């Protein structure tokens, strides 16, 4: 109950523009490897304010190492060396009077592929304490390169936290708890905040330097009005008429098909477990019936009965595989489906508008 109350009180995340620029720069420099780092800020009621960030140190692998540097970078937030580094950095920030409260971590991803074991373990590492109100910022480098900034904040749901803490993801436990793949991550609305001084600077950048002193704005609302920017909604914008299929959409569809194939592979493994379990249970049942018949004959001959629980030593039931991988894969499929749905809406409307030009033989 306490976890649910804390999650309900945390309703939004406010990110400083400086933090966004730091994350974008770090992710661009390390691409295609995963970029991870720590974020600091303060908790202001139901709003989590992120005011600063710093990256984790790079991991240098030896020449003869067979480990993947990307996987090591993804696991960096919970590494023991980086935990000490994070504590030391927060100590230095506190000395210069900067917000020094750890509020989570950030990671970069490509094509929305971030729902995996590393992300879950990292967020659980930060969120496992009872009073930790931390988030995971996910920056999609591929989506942002198309001109649309993609940075989202996630937390693990209280239901998933309880199940992950127990480490039980069997069919029976999932049925009792009612945990679904939609209940793994909780997305929080994010806003990017600029100081008033920076906002004034941004509005002055498009215009030429004034030749005379500027008048002070009468109020804050006047800062959002630029007389040199056209407010006419009919202003022509021919970029939106481009009919080419976005390569981001094609790549997302390919990744979606790969995730569906992985999902079928996991289902086949679970079906193999069920068949193996059924065969072993049939052997146990046949052995128990045979032992009961032997004991009935021995009882008639007034001989000592044989133990009927000896099957536990003779037979070994297969262990049920964890359903966690299927849950994560299902959540990743949903993430890809949302991305495809967001892109196909604009593409379909464009293709419908030029349908007669592409197919002259058909009527409207």
Protein backbone atom coordinates (compact mmCIF):
# COMPACT_ATOMS: atom_id res chain seq x y z
CA UNK A 1 0.00 0.00 0.00
CA UNK A 2 2.83 2.39 0.80
CA UNK A 3 4.47 1.79 -2.60
CA UNK A 4 1.21 2.48 -4.41
CA UNK A 5 0.71 5.73 -2.52
CA UNK A 6 4.19 6.96 -3.39
CA UNK A 7 3.79 6.07 -7.06
CA UNK A 8 0.41 7.81 -7.13
CA UNK A 9 1.90 11.00 -5.69
CA UNK A 10 4.67 11.15 -8.33
CA UNK A 11 2.77 12.43 -11.36
CA UNK A 12 5.23 14.24 -13.61
CA UNK A 13 8.90 14.79 -14.37
CA UNK A 14 10.44 18.16 -15.16
CA UNK A 15 13.78 18.11 -16.98
CA UNK A 16 16.07 21.07 -17.33
CA UNK A 17 17.12 21.88 -20.89
CA UNK A 18 20.78 21.58 -19.86
CA UNK A 19 20.18 17.97 -18.81
CA UNK A 20 18.52 17.19 -22.14
CA UNK A 21 21.46 18.63 -24.07
CA UNK A 22 23.96 16.66 -21.95
CA UNK A 23 22.09 13.41 -22.55
CA UNK A 24 21.82 14.05 -26.30
CA UNK A 25 25.52 14.86 -26.57
CA UNK A 26 26.57 11.78 -24.57
CA UNK A 27 24.28 9.48 -26.57
CA UNK A 28 25.51 10.88 -29.89
CA UNK A 29 29.16 10.44 -28.95
CA UNK A 30 28.75 6.80 -27.85
CA UNK A 31 26.33 5.68 -30.60
CA UNK A 32 25.80 2.83 -31.47
CA UNK A 33 26.88 1.75 -27.98
CA UNK A 34 24.56 2.39 -25.06
CA UNK A 35 25.14 5.59 -23.09
CA UNK A 36 24.27 5.55 -19.39
CA UNK A 37 24.64 8.08 -16.62
CA UNK A 38 23.20 9.41 -13.39
CA UNK A 39 20.66 12.20 -12.93
CA UNK A 40 20.29 14.43 -9.87
CA UNK A 41 17.61 16.85 -8.80
CA UNK A 42 14.95 17.29 -6.17
CA UNK A 43 11.52 16.01 -5.25
CA UNK A 44 8.94 18.79 -5.23
CA UNK A 45 5.62 17.34 -4.15
CA UNK A 46 4.15 15.31 -7.00
CA UNK A 47 6.80 16.61 -9.41
CA UNK A 48 10.32 15.23 -9.83
CA UNK A 49 12.68 17.98 -10.97
CA UNK A 50 15.85 16.86 -12.76
CA UNK A 51 18.43 19.65 -12.70
CA UNK A 52 21.76 18.01 -13.58
CA UNK A 53 23.36 14.83 -14.92
CA UNK A 54 26.73 13.23 -15.45
CA UNK A 55 27.80 10.16 -17.46
CA UNK A 56 29.30 7.01 -16.08
CA UNK A 57 32.97 6.33 -16.97
CA UNK A 58 33.73 4.44 -20.15
CA UNK A 59 34.58 0.77 -19.82
CA UNK A 60 37.81 -0.18 -21.58
CA UNK A 61 37.92 -3.85 -22.53
CA UNK A 62 41.15 -5.77 -23.10
CA UNK A 63 42.01 -6.75 -26.64
CA UNK A 64 41.39 -10.47 -26.02
CA UNK A 65 38.04 -9.95 -24.30
CA UNK A 66 34.96 -11.59 -25.82
CA UNK A 67 32.44 -9.46 -23.92
CA UNK A 68 30.24 -6.92 -25.65
CA UNK A 69 31.02 -3.33 -24.67
CA UNK A 70 27.41 -2.32 -25.27
CA UNK A 71 26.08 -4.87 -22.77
CA UNK A 72 28.65 -3.75 -20.20
CA UNK A 73 27.63 -0.13 -20.70
CA UNK A 74 23.98 -1.06 -20.28
CA UNK A 75 24.79 -2.71 -16.93
CA UNK A 76 26.99 0.21 -15.79
CA UNK A 77 24.41 1.89 -13.47
CA UNK A 78 24.45 -1.02 -11.02
CA UNK A 79 28.19 -1.75 -11.25
CA UNK A 80 30.01 -1.47 -7.93
CA UNK A 81 32.73 0.83 -9.31
CA UNK A 82 30.17 3.20 -10.81
CA UNK A 83 28.19 3.26 -7.58
CA UNK A 84 31.27 4.59 -5.79
CA UNK A 85 31.90 7.03 -8.64
CA UNK A 86 28.32 8.29 -8.41
CA UNK A 87 28.60 8.83 -4.65
CA UNK A 88 31.83 10.78 -5.12
CA UNK A 89 30.35 12.97 -7.87
CA UNK A 90 27.28 13.78 -5.78
CA UNK A 91 29.61 14.75 -2.93
CA UNK A 92 31.43 17.21 -5.22
CA UNK A 93 28.12 18.65 -6.47
CA UNK A 94 27.01 19.23 -2.91
CA UNK A 95 30.19 21.18 -2.21
CA UNK A 96 29.41 23.66 -5.01
CA UNK A 97 25.80 24.09 -3.85
CA UNK A 98 24.17 22.11 -6.67
CA UNK A 99 21.20 19.78 -6.25
CA UNK A 100 22.86 16.58 -5.08
CA UNK A 101 19.94 14.21 -4.63
CA UNK A 102 20.10 11.16 -6.86
CA UNK A 103 16.78 10.79 -8.67
CA UNK A 104 17.60 7.97 -11.07
CA UNK A 105 19.59 7.27 -14.21
CA UNK A 106 19.41 7.71 -17.96
CA UNK A 107 20.12 5.47 -20.91
CA UNK A 108 20.16 5.75 -24.69
CA UNK A 109 18.46 3.39 -27.08
CA UNK A 110 17.97 2.91 -30.79
CA UNK A 111 14.63 2.31 -32.55
CA UNK A 112 12.84 2.08 -29.20
CA UNK A 113 14.60 -1.15 -28.19
CA UNK A 114 14.96 -0.64 -24.43
CA UNK A 115 12.60 -3.13 -22.75
CA UNK A 116 15.16 -5.74 -21.72
CA UNK A 117 16.65 -7.35 -18.64
CA UNK A 118 19.34 -4.67 -18.21
CA UNK A 119 16.80 -1.86 -18.06
CA UNK A 120 14.65 -3.74 -15.56
CA UNK A 121 17.60 -4.66 -13.31
CA UNK A 122 18.99 -1.11 -13.37
CA UNK A 123 15.68 0.50 -12.45
CA UNK A 124 15.06 -2.12 -9.77
CA UNK A 125 18.51 -1.33 -8.35
CA UNK A 126 17.52 2.33 -7.97
CA UNK A 127 13.90 1.76 -6.99
CA UNK A 128 14.22 -1.19 -4.60
CA UNK A 129 14.52 1.00 -1.47
CA UNK A 130 11.23 1.83 0.20
CA UNK A 131 11.69 5.61 0.00
CA UNK A 132 13.36 5.87 -3.42
CA UNK A 133 11.43 8.02 -5.91
CA UNK A 134 13.65 7.51 -8.93
CA UNK A 135 12.99 7.36 -12.66
CA UNK A 136 14.72 6.06 -15.76
CA UNK A 137 15.11 8.52 -18.64
CA UNK A 138 15.19 6.80 -22.03
CA UNK A 139 16.53 8.78 -24.99
CA UNK A 140 15.91 7.32 -28.45
CA UNK A 141 18.81 8.39 -30.67
CA UNK A 142 17.29 7.12 -33.93
CA UNK A 143 13.96 8.82 -33.42
CA UNK A 144 15.60 12.08 -32.37
CA UNK A 145 17.78 12.04 -35.50
CA UNK A 146 14.57 12.26 -37.57
CA UNK A 147 13.84 15.69 -36.07
CA UNK A 148 11.56 14.70 -33.19
CA UNK A 149 13.09 14.68 -29.72
CA UNK A 150 12.34 11.43 -27.91
CA UNK A 151 13.04 11.35 -24.18
CA UNK A 152 10.70 9.54 -21.81
CA UNK A 153 10.58 8.81 -18.08
CA UNK A 154 9.65 5.38 -16.72
CA UNK A 155 9.21 3.67 -13.37
CA UNK A 156 8.55 0.06 -12.46
CA UNK A 157 5.01 -0.55 -11.27
CA UNK A 158 4.47 -1.61 -7.63
CA UNK A 159 2.98 -4.93 -8.77
CA UNK A 160 6.04 -5.76 -10.86
CA UNK A 161 8.37 -4.63 -8.08
CA UNK A 162 6.79 -7.12 -5.69
CA UNK A 163 7.01 -9.96 -8.22
CA UNK A 164 10.61 -9.11 -9.16
CA UNK A 165 11.63 -8.92 -5.52
CA UNK A 166 10.27 -12.42 -4.95
CA UNK A 167 11.82 -13.68 -8.19
CA UNK A 168 8.79 -15.84 -9.04
CA UNK A 169 7.49 -15.57 -12.59
CA UNK A 170 5.78 -18.93 -12.91
CA UNK A 171 2.34 -19.46 -14.43
CA UNK A 172 0.71 -19.94 -11.02
CA UNK A 173 2.28 -16.82 -9.49
CA UNK A 174 1.29 -14.68 -12.48
CA UNK A 175 -2.28 -15.94 -12.31
CA UNK A 176 -2.51 -15.19 -8.59
CA UNK A 177 -1.03 -11.70 -8.86
CA UNK A 178 -2.73 -10.79 -12.15
CA UNK A 179 0.52 -9.32 -13.52
CA UNK A 180 0.45 -8.50 -17.23
CA UNK A 181 3.08 -7.18 -19.59
CA UNK A 182 1.30 -3.80 -19.58
CA UNK A 183 2.01 -3.55 -15.83
CA UNK A 184 5.82 -3.66 -16.09
CA UNK A 185 6.60 -0.01 -16.78
CA UNK A 186 4.73 3.16 -15.83
CA UNK A 187 5.41 6.15 -18.07
CA UNK A 188 5.35 9.58 -16.46
CA UNK A 189 4.63 12.79 -18.42
CA UNK A 190 7.76 14.86 -18.98
CA UNK A 191 8.24 18.58 -19.53
CA UNK A 192 11.41 20.48 -20.49
CA UNK A 193 12.03 23.58 -18.41
CA UNK A 194 14.06 26.67 -19.31
CA UNK A 195 14.97 29.57 -17.08
CA UNK A 196 13.46 32.95 -17.96
CA UNK A 197 16.88 34.27 -18.88
CA UNK A 198 17.47 31.43 -21.35
CA UNK A 199 13.98 31.83 -22.77
CA UNK A 200 14.68 35.49 -23.48
CA UNK A 201 17.94 34.56 -25.22
CA UNK A 202 16.25 31.94 -27.41
CA UNK A 203 13.64 34.42 -28.59
CA UNK A 204 16.32 36.92 -29.54
CA UNK A 205 18.46 34.50 -31.58
CA UNK A 206 16.39 34.53 -34.85
CA UNK A 207 16.41 38.34 -35.10
CA UNK A 208 19.27 40.67 -35.95
CA UNK A 209 20.98 42.52 -33.11
CA UNK A 210 18.91 45.62 -32.29
CA UNK A 211 20.40 49.02 -33.04
CA UNK A 212 18.65 50.65 -30.09
CA UNK A 213 18.01 49.56 -26.51
CA UNK A 214 15.20 47.09 -26.05
CA UNK A 215 12.17 47.76 -23.93
CA UNK A 216 11.49 45.46 -21.04
CA UNK A 217 8.54 43.11 -21.66
CA UNK A 218 5.43 44.04 -19.68
CA UNK A 219 4.82 40.43 -18.59
CA UNK A 220 6.04 36.87 -19.08
CA UNK A 221 3.42 36.17 -21.76
CA UNK A 222 5.05 38.78 -24.00
CA UNK A 223 8.20 36.64 -24.18
CA UNK A 224 6.34 33.96 -26.17
CA UNK A 225 5.36 36.40 -28.94
CA UNK A 226 7.81 36.95 -31.77
CA UNK A 227 6.57 39.52 -34.34
CA UNK A 228 8.89 38.04 -36.99
CA UNK A 229 7.31 34.58 -36.80
CA UNK A 230 4.20 34.14 -38.90
CA UNK A 231 1.13 33.03 -36.99
CA UNK A 232 -0.90 32.32 -40.14
CA UNK A 233 -2.03 28.66 -40.03
CA UNK A 234 -2.20 28.62 -43.86
CA UNK A 235 1.50 29.40 -44.22
CA UNK A 236 2.79 26.88 -46.82
CA UNK A 237 4.94 24.02 -45.56
CA UNK A 238 5.83 21.67 -48.41
CA UNK A 239 7.91 19.35 -46.21
CA UNK A 240 4.75 17.71 -44.91
CA UNK A 241 3.81 16.66 -48.48
CA UNK A 242 6.75 14.29 -48.86
CA UNK A 243 5.41 10.85 -49.83
CA UNK A 244 8.54 8.81 -49.16
CA UNK A 245 8.20 6.08 -46.54
CA UNK A 246 10.31 6.92 -43.53
CA UNK A 247 13.24 4.48 -43.11
CA UNK A 248 12.59 4.62 -39.37
CA UNK A 249 9.19 3.00 -40.02
CA UNK A 250 10.73 0.23 -42.14
CA UNK A 251 13.37 -0.58 -39.55
CA UNK A 252 10.76 -0.59 -36.77
CA UNK A 253 8.66 -3.09 -38.73
CA UNK A 254 11.69 -5.36 -39.12
CA UNK A 255 12.40 -5.20 -35.39
CA UNK A 256 8.73 -5.87 -34.67
CA UNK A 257 8.86 -9.06 -36.73
CA UNK A 258 12.04 -10.15 -34.92
CA UNK A 259 10.36 -9.61 -31.54
CA UNK A 260 7.33 -11.62 -32.64
CA UNK A 261 9.63 -14.47 -33.69
CA UNK A 262 11.36 -14.36 -30.32
CA UNK A 263 7.97 -14.44 -28.65
CA UNK A 264 7.01 -17.59 -30.58
CA UNK A 265 10.35 -19.16 -29.62
CA UNK A 266 9.64 -18.54 -25.93
CA UNK A 267 6.14 -19.98 -26.34
CA UNK A 268 7.57 -23.10 -27.97
CA UNK A 269 9.98 -23.52 -25.05
CA UNK A 270 7.09 -23.29 -22.60
CA UNK A 271 5.06 -25.80 -24.62
CA UNK A 272 8.05 -28.17 -24.58
CA UNK A 273 8.13 -27.84 -20.79
CA UNK A 274 4.42 -28.67 -20.57
CA UNK A 275 4.88 -31.77 -22.73
CA UNK A 276 7.85 -32.92 -20.64
CA UNK A 277 5.87 -32.33 -17.47
CA UNK A 278 2.93 -34.31 -18.84
CA UNK A 279 5.19 -37.28 -19.72
CA UNK A 280 6.79 -37.33 -16.28
CA UNK A 281 3.42 -37.06 -14.53
CA UNK A 282 2.10 -39.98 -16.63
CA UNK A 283 5.12 -42.07 -15.56
CA UNK A 284 4.53 -41.15 -11.91
CA UNK A 285 0.85 -42.06 -12.15
CA UNK A 286 1.65 -45.44 -13.73
CA UNK A 287 4.28 -46.12 -11.05
CA UNK A 288 1.88 -45.22 -8.23
CA UNK A 289 -0.82 -47.50 -9.62
CA UNK A 290 1.69 -50.35 -9.92
CA UNK A 291 2.91 -49.80 -6.37
CA UNK A 292 -0.66 -49.78 -5.03
CA UNK A 293 -1.31 -53.10 -6.77
CA UNK A 294 1.89 -54.54 -5.28
CA UNK A 295 0.95 -53.35 -1.80
CA UNK A 296 -2.54 -54.84 -2.17
CA UNK A 297 -0.98 -58.22 -3.05
CA UNK A 298 1.51 -57.94 -0.16
CA UNK A 299 -1.28 -57.01 2.24
CA UNK A 300 -3.22 -60.12 1.16
CA UNK A 301 -0.07 -62.21 1.76
CA UNK A 302 0.43 -60.46 5.12
CA UNK A 303 3.79 -59.03 4.02
CA UNK A 304 5.17 -55.55 4.93
CA UNK A 305 4.00 -52.80 2.57
CA UNK A 306 6.37 -50.92 0.33
CA UNK A 307 6.60 -47.10 0.65
CA UNK A 308 4.36 -45.25 -1.82
CA UNK A 309 6.31 -41.98 -1.76
CA UNK A 310 9.42 -43.49 -3.30
CA UNK A 311 8.54 -41.88 -6.64
CA UNK A 312 9.95 -38.58 -5.38
CA UNK A 313 13.41 -40.15 -5.43
CA UNK A 314 12.97 -42.05 -8.70
CA UNK A 315 11.40 -39.29 -10.80
CA UNK A 316 12.39 -35.66 -11.18
CA UNK A 317 9.87 -33.16 -12.53
CA UNK A 318 11.24 -30.57 -14.99
CA UNK A 319 11.58 -27.04 -13.64
CA UNK A 320 9.24 -24.47 -15.15
CA UNK A 321 11.14 -21.74 -17.05
CA UNK A 322 10.69 -18.15 -15.95
CA UNK A 323 7.97 -16.21 -17.74
CA UNK A 324 9.82 -12.92 -17.28
CA UNK A 325 11.41 -13.04 -20.73
CA UNK A 326 7.99 -13.51 -22.35
CA UNK A 327 6.61 -10.54 -20.39
CA UNK A 328 9.50 -8.30 -21.45
CA UNK A 329 9.27 -9.42 -25.07
CA UNK A 330 5.52 -8.77 -25.10
CA UNK A 331 6.08 -5.28 -23.70
CA UNK A 332 8.73 -4.64 -26.38
CA UNK A 333 6.31 -5.78 -29.10
CA UNK A 334 3.78 -3.29 -27.74
CA UNK A 335 6.42 -0.55 -27.86
CA UNK A 336 7.19 -1.29 -31.51
CA UNK A 337 3.47 -1.43 -32.35
CA UNK A 338 2.95 2.04 -30.85
CA UNK A 339 5.80 3.43 -32.92
CA UNK A 340 4.45 1.87 -36.11
CA UNK A 341 0.96 3.19 -35.34
CA UNK A 342 2.34 6.70 -34.84
CA UNK A 343 4.10 6.71 -38.22
CA UNK A 344 1.47 4.96 -40.33
CA UNK A 345 -1.21 7.53 -39.45
CA UNK A 346 0.60 10.27 -41.36
CA UNK A 347 1.70 8.00 -44.21
CA UNK A 348 -1.79 6.61 -44.80
CA UNK A 349 -3.35 10.07 -44.91
CA UNK A 350 -0.81 11.20 -47.54
CA UNK A 351 -1.31 8.09 -49.68
CA UNK A 352 -5.10 8.45 -49.50
CA UNK A 353 -4.81 12.09 -50.61
CA UNK A 354 -2.90 11.15 -53.79
CA UNK A 355 -4.77 7.91 -54.46
CA UNK A 356 -6.30 9.11 -57.75
CA UNK A 357 -2.94 10.32 -59.01
CA UNK A 358 -1.31 6.96 -58.33
CA UNK A 359 -4.26 4.88 -59.59
CA UNK A 360 -5.97 6.90 -62.36
CA UNK A 361 -8.39 4.10 -63.20
CA UNK A 362 -10.18 4.18 -59.86
CA UNK A 363 -12.79 6.69 -58.86
CA UNK A 364 -12.96 8.68 -55.70
